[in-house]
Amino acid sequence: MSQLVVRTDPETDRALEHLVELTGRKRSEVVREAIRAAEYEALLTLAAQQAAALRDDPHDRAEVAAAAADLEPLRAW
């Protein structure tokens, strides 16, 4: 496992110590969890942006409509 030195401001110090008190975890655990949570949030944001780009792409919407029209005769209901 690698080490990382981070300089924090007083507000971040306070928040980190508060999280340590609330969770009973070590400072390193709190920081690792925060980094993983930030990565997860960034991935969700990226997925939402990509979905919006597809939703708003007229060429892609036309392809989806054409595929749906091709499959329409196969519908059972």
N, C-alpha and C. Protein backbone atom coordinates (compact mmCIF):
# COMPACT_ATOMS: atom_id res chain seq x y z
N MET A 1 0.85 -1.17 0.00
CA MET A 1 0.00 0.00 0.00
C MET A 1 0.89 1.23 0.00
N SER A 2 0.55 2.19 -0.82
CA SER A 2 1.35 3.41 -0.90
C SER A 2 0.92 4.43 0.15
N GLN A 3 1.79 5.39 0.37
CA GLN A 3 1.48 6.47 1.30
C GLN A 3 1.28 7.75 0.51
N LEU A 4 0.44 8.61 1.05
CA LEU A 4 0.13 9.88 0.41
C LEU A 4 0.12 10.95 1.48
N VAL A 5 0.80 12.04 1.23
CA VAL A 5 0.79 13.17 2.15
C VAL A 5 -0.17 14.21 1.59
N VAL A 6 -1.10 14.63 2.41
CA VAL A 6 -2.10 15.60 1.98
C VAL A 6 -2.10 16.77 2.96
N ARG A 7 -2.06 17.97 2.43
CA ARG A 7 -2.16 19.16 3.28
C ARG A 7 -3.64 19.54 3.35
N THR A 8 -4.12 19.71 4.56
CA THR A 8 -5.54 20.03 4.74
C THR A 8 -5.69 21.39 5.41
N ASP A 9 -6.79 22.03 5.13
CA ASP A 9 -7.10 23.29 5.79
C ASP A 9 -7.84 22.98 7.10
N PRO A 10 -8.02 23.97 7.94
CA PRO A 10 -8.67 23.73 9.24
C PRO A 10 -10.08 23.13 9.12
N GLU A 11 -10.84 23.55 8.13
CA GLU A 11 -12.20 23.01 7.98
C GLU A 11 -12.16 21.52 7.63
N THR A 12 -11.22 21.13 6.77
CA THR A 12 -11.08 19.72 6.41
C THR A 12 -10.58 18.92 7.60
N ASP A 13 -9.65 19.49 8.38
CA ASP A 13 -9.18 18.82 9.60
C ASP A 13 -10.35 18.54 10.54
N ARG A 14 -11.20 19.57 10.72
CA ARG A 14 -12.34 19.42 11.61
C ARG A 14 -13.29 18.34 11.11
N ALA A 15 -13.57 18.35 9.80
CA ALA A 15 -14.47 17.35 9.22
C ALA A 15 -13.90 15.95 9.36
N LEU A 16 -12.60 15.81 9.12
CA LEU A 16 -11.97 14.49 9.24
C LEU A 16 -12.05 13.99 10.68
N GLU A 17 -11.71 14.83 11.63
CA GLU A 17 -11.78 14.41 13.03
C GLU A 17 -13.21 14.09 13.45
N HIS A 18 -14.17 14.85 12.93
CA HIS A 18 -15.57 14.58 13.24
C HIS A 18 -15.98 13.21 12.70
N LEU A 19 -15.57 12.91 11.47
CA LEU A 19 -15.88 11.60 10.89
C LEU A 19 -15.22 10.47 11.68
N VAL A 20 -14.01 10.69 12.13
CA VAL A 20 -13.32 9.68 12.95
C VAL A 20 -14.12 9.43 14.23
N GLU A 21 -14.56 10.50 14.87
CA GLU A 21 -15.35 10.36 16.10
C GLU A 21 -16.68 9.68 15.84
N LEU A 22 -17.36 10.07 14.76
CA LEU A 22 -18.68 9.51 14.46
C LEU A 22 -18.62 8.04 14.09
N THR A 23 -17.60 7.65 13.34
CA THR A 23 -17.54 6.29 12.80
C THR A 23 -16.67 5.35 13.60
N GLY A 24 -15.76 5.89 14.40
CA GLY A 24 -14.83 5.04 15.13
C GLY A 24 -13.73 4.46 14.24
N ARG A 25 -13.66 4.94 13.02
CA ARG A 25 -12.63 4.46 12.10
C ARG A 25 -11.36 5.29 12.24
N LYS A 26 -10.28 4.74 11.72
CA LYS A 26 -9.02 5.48 11.69
C LYS A 26 -9.08 6.53 10.59
N ARG A 27 -8.23 7.55 10.74
CA ARG A 27 -8.18 8.62 9.74
C ARG A 27 -7.94 8.07 8.34
N SER A 28 -7.01 7.14 8.22
CA SER A 28 -6.68 6.57 6.91
C SER A 28 -7.89 5.87 6.30
N GLU A 29 -8.66 5.17 7.13
CA GLU A 29 -9.85 4.48 6.62
C GLU A 29 -10.88 5.48 6.11
N VAL A 30 -11.06 6.56 6.86
CA VAL A 30 -12.03 7.59 6.46
C VAL A 30 -11.61 8.21 5.13
N VAL A 31 -10.33 8.50 4.97
CA VAL A 31 -9.83 9.11 3.73
C VAL A 31 -9.98 8.14 2.57
N ARG A 32 -9.61 6.86 2.77
CA ARG A 32 -9.75 5.88 1.69
C ARG A 32 -11.20 5.76 1.25
N GLU A 33 -12.11 5.69 2.22
CA GLU A 33 -13.54 5.58 1.89
C GLU A 33 -14.03 6.82 1.14
N ALA A 34 -13.56 7.99 1.53
CA ALA A 34 -13.97 9.23 0.86
C ALA A 34 -13.48 9.25 -0.59
N ILE A 35 -12.28 8.75 -0.83
CA ILE A 35 -11.76 8.71 -2.20
C ILE A 35 -12.58 7.75 -3.04
N ARG A 36 -12.89 6.58 -2.49
CA ARG A 36 -13.71 5.62 -3.25
C ARG A 36 -15.11 6.18 -3.51
N ALA A 37 -15.68 6.87 -2.54
CA ALA A 37 -17.01 7.47 -2.72
C ALA A 37 -16.96 8.56 -3.80
N ALA A 38 -15.90 9.34 -3.82
CA ALA A 38 -15.76 10.39 -4.83
C ALA A 38 -15.61 9.77 -6.22
N GLU A 39 -14.87 8.67 -6.32
CA GLU A 39 -14.74 7.99 -7.61
C GLU A 39 -16.09 7.48 -8.08
N TYR A 40 -16.86 6.87 -7.17
CA TYR A 40 -18.18 6.34 -7.51
C TYR A 40 -19.10 7.46 -8.01
N GLU A 41 -19.10 8.58 -7.31
CA GLU A 41 -19.92 9.72 -7.72
C GLU A 41 -19.49 10.25 -9.09
N ALA A 42 -18.18 10.28 -9.34
CA ALA A 42 -17.70 10.74 -10.65
C ALA A 42 -18.15 9.80 -11.75
N LEU A 43 -18.13 8.49 -11.48
CA LEU A 43 -18.59 7.52 -12.48
C LEU A 43 -20.09 7.65 -12.74
N LEU A 44 -20.87 7.89 -11.70
CA LEU A 44 -22.30 8.11 -11.88
C LEU A 44 -22.56 9.36 -12.72
N THR A 45 -21.82 10.41 -12.45
CA THR A 45 -21.97 11.65 -13.22
C THR A 45 -21.61 11.41 -14.68
N LEU A 46 -20.52 10.69 -14.92
CA LEU A 46 -20.11 10.39 -16.29
C LEU A 46 -21.17 9.56 -17.01
N ALA A 47 -21.71 8.55 -16.33
CA ALA A 47 -22.75 7.71 -16.94
C ALA A 47 -23.99 8.53 -17.27
N ALA A 48 -24.37 9.44 -16.38
CA ALA A 48 -25.53 10.29 -16.64
C ALA A 48 -25.28 11.21 -17.83
N GLN A 49 -24.07 11.74 -17.94
CA GLN A 49 -23.73 12.60 -19.08
C GLN A 49 -23.77 11.81 -20.38
N GLN A 50 -23.23 10.59 -20.36
CA GLN A 50 -23.24 9.77 -21.56
C GLN A 50 -24.66 9.38 -21.95
N ALA A 51 -25.49 9.07 -20.96
CA ALA A 51 -26.88 8.72 -21.25
C ALA A 51 -27.62 9.92 -21.85
N ALA A 52 -27.37 11.10 -21.31
CA ALA A 52 -28.02 12.30 -21.84
C ALA A 52 -27.56 12.58 -23.27
N ALA A 53 -26.28 12.35 -23.53
CA ALA A 53 -25.77 12.57 -24.88
C ALA A 53 -26.44 11.62 -25.87
N LEU A 54 -26.62 10.37 -25.48
CA LEU A 54 -27.32 9.42 -26.35
C LEU A 54 -28.79 9.79 -26.51
N ARG A 55 -29.41 10.18 -25.41
CA ARG A 55 -30.83 10.56 -25.45
C ARG A 55 -31.05 11.73 -26.40
N ASP A 56 -30.10 12.64 -26.42
CA ASP A 56 -30.24 13.86 -27.22
C ASP A 56 -29.64 13.74 -28.62
N ASP A 57 -29.15 12.55 -28.98
CA ASP A 57 -28.52 12.35 -30.30
C ASP A 57 -29.58 11.91 -31.30
N PRO A 58 -29.94 12.76 -32.26
CA PRO A 58 -31.00 12.40 -33.20
C PRO A 58 -30.66 11.17 -34.05
N HIS A 59 -29.39 11.00 -34.38
CA HIS A 59 -28.98 9.83 -35.17
C HIS A 59 -29.22 8.54 -34.37
N ASP A 60 -28.82 8.55 -33.11
CA ASP A 60 -29.02 7.37 -32.26
C ASP A 60 -30.50 7.09 -32.06
N ARG A 61 -31.28 8.14 -31.84
CA ARG A 61 -32.73 7.95 -31.65
C ARG A 61 -33.37 7.36 -32.91
N ALA A 62 -32.90 7.78 -34.08
CA ALA A 62 -33.42 7.24 -35.34
C ALA A 62 -33.07 5.76 -35.47
N GLU A 63 -31.85 5.39 -35.08
CA GLU A 63 -31.45 3.98 -35.13
C GLU A 63 -32.29 3.13 -34.20
N VAL A 64 -32.56 3.63 -33.00
CA VAL A 64 -33.39 2.89 -32.04
C VAL A 64 -34.81 2.74 -32.58
N ALA A 65 -35.34 3.80 -33.16
CA ALA A 65 -36.70 3.74 -33.73
C ALA A 65 -36.75 2.75 -34.88
N ALA A 66 -35.72 2.72 -35.71
CA ALA A 66 -35.69 1.78 -36.84
C ALA A 66 -35.61 0.34 -36.33
N ALA A 67 -34.80 0.11 -35.31
CA ALA A 67 -34.69 -1.24 -34.75
C ALA A 67 -36.02 -1.66 -34.14
N ALA A 68 -36.69 -0.75 -33.45
CA ALA A 68 -37.99 -1.07 -32.86
C ALA A 68 -39.01 -1.38 -33.95
N ALA A 69 -38.97 -0.64 -35.03
CA ALA A 69 -39.89 -0.90 -36.14
C ALA A 69 -39.62 -2.26 -36.77
N ASP A 70 -38.34 -2.62 -36.89
CA ASP A 70 -37.98 -3.93 -37.43
C ASP A 70 -38.49 -5.07 -36.55
N LEU A 71 -38.50 -4.84 -35.25
CA LEU A 71 -38.91 -5.88 -34.31
C LEU A 71 -40.42 -5.92 -34.06
N GLU A 72 -41.13 -4.91 -34.46
CA GLU A 72 -42.57 -4.82 -34.21
C GLU A 72 -43.34 -6.06 -34.66
N PRO A 73 -43.07 -6.63 -35.84
CA PRO A 73 -43.83 -7.82 -36.26
C PRO A 73 -43.62 -9.04 -35.34
N LEU A 74 -42.56 -9.02 -34.54
CA LEU A 74 -42.27 -10.15 -33.67
C LEU A 74 -42.94 -10.05 -32.31
N ARG A 75 -43.59 -8.93 -32.04
CA ARG A 75 -44.25 -8.75 -30.73
C ARG A 75 -45.37 -9.75 -30.56
N ALA A 76 -45.46 -10.29 -29.37
CA ALA A 76 -46.52 -11.26 -29.08
C ALA A 76 -47.80 -10.57 -28.64
N TRP A 77 -47.71 -9.39 -28.12
CA TRP A 77 -48.89 -8.72 -27.57
C TRP A 77 -49.12 -7.42 -28.26
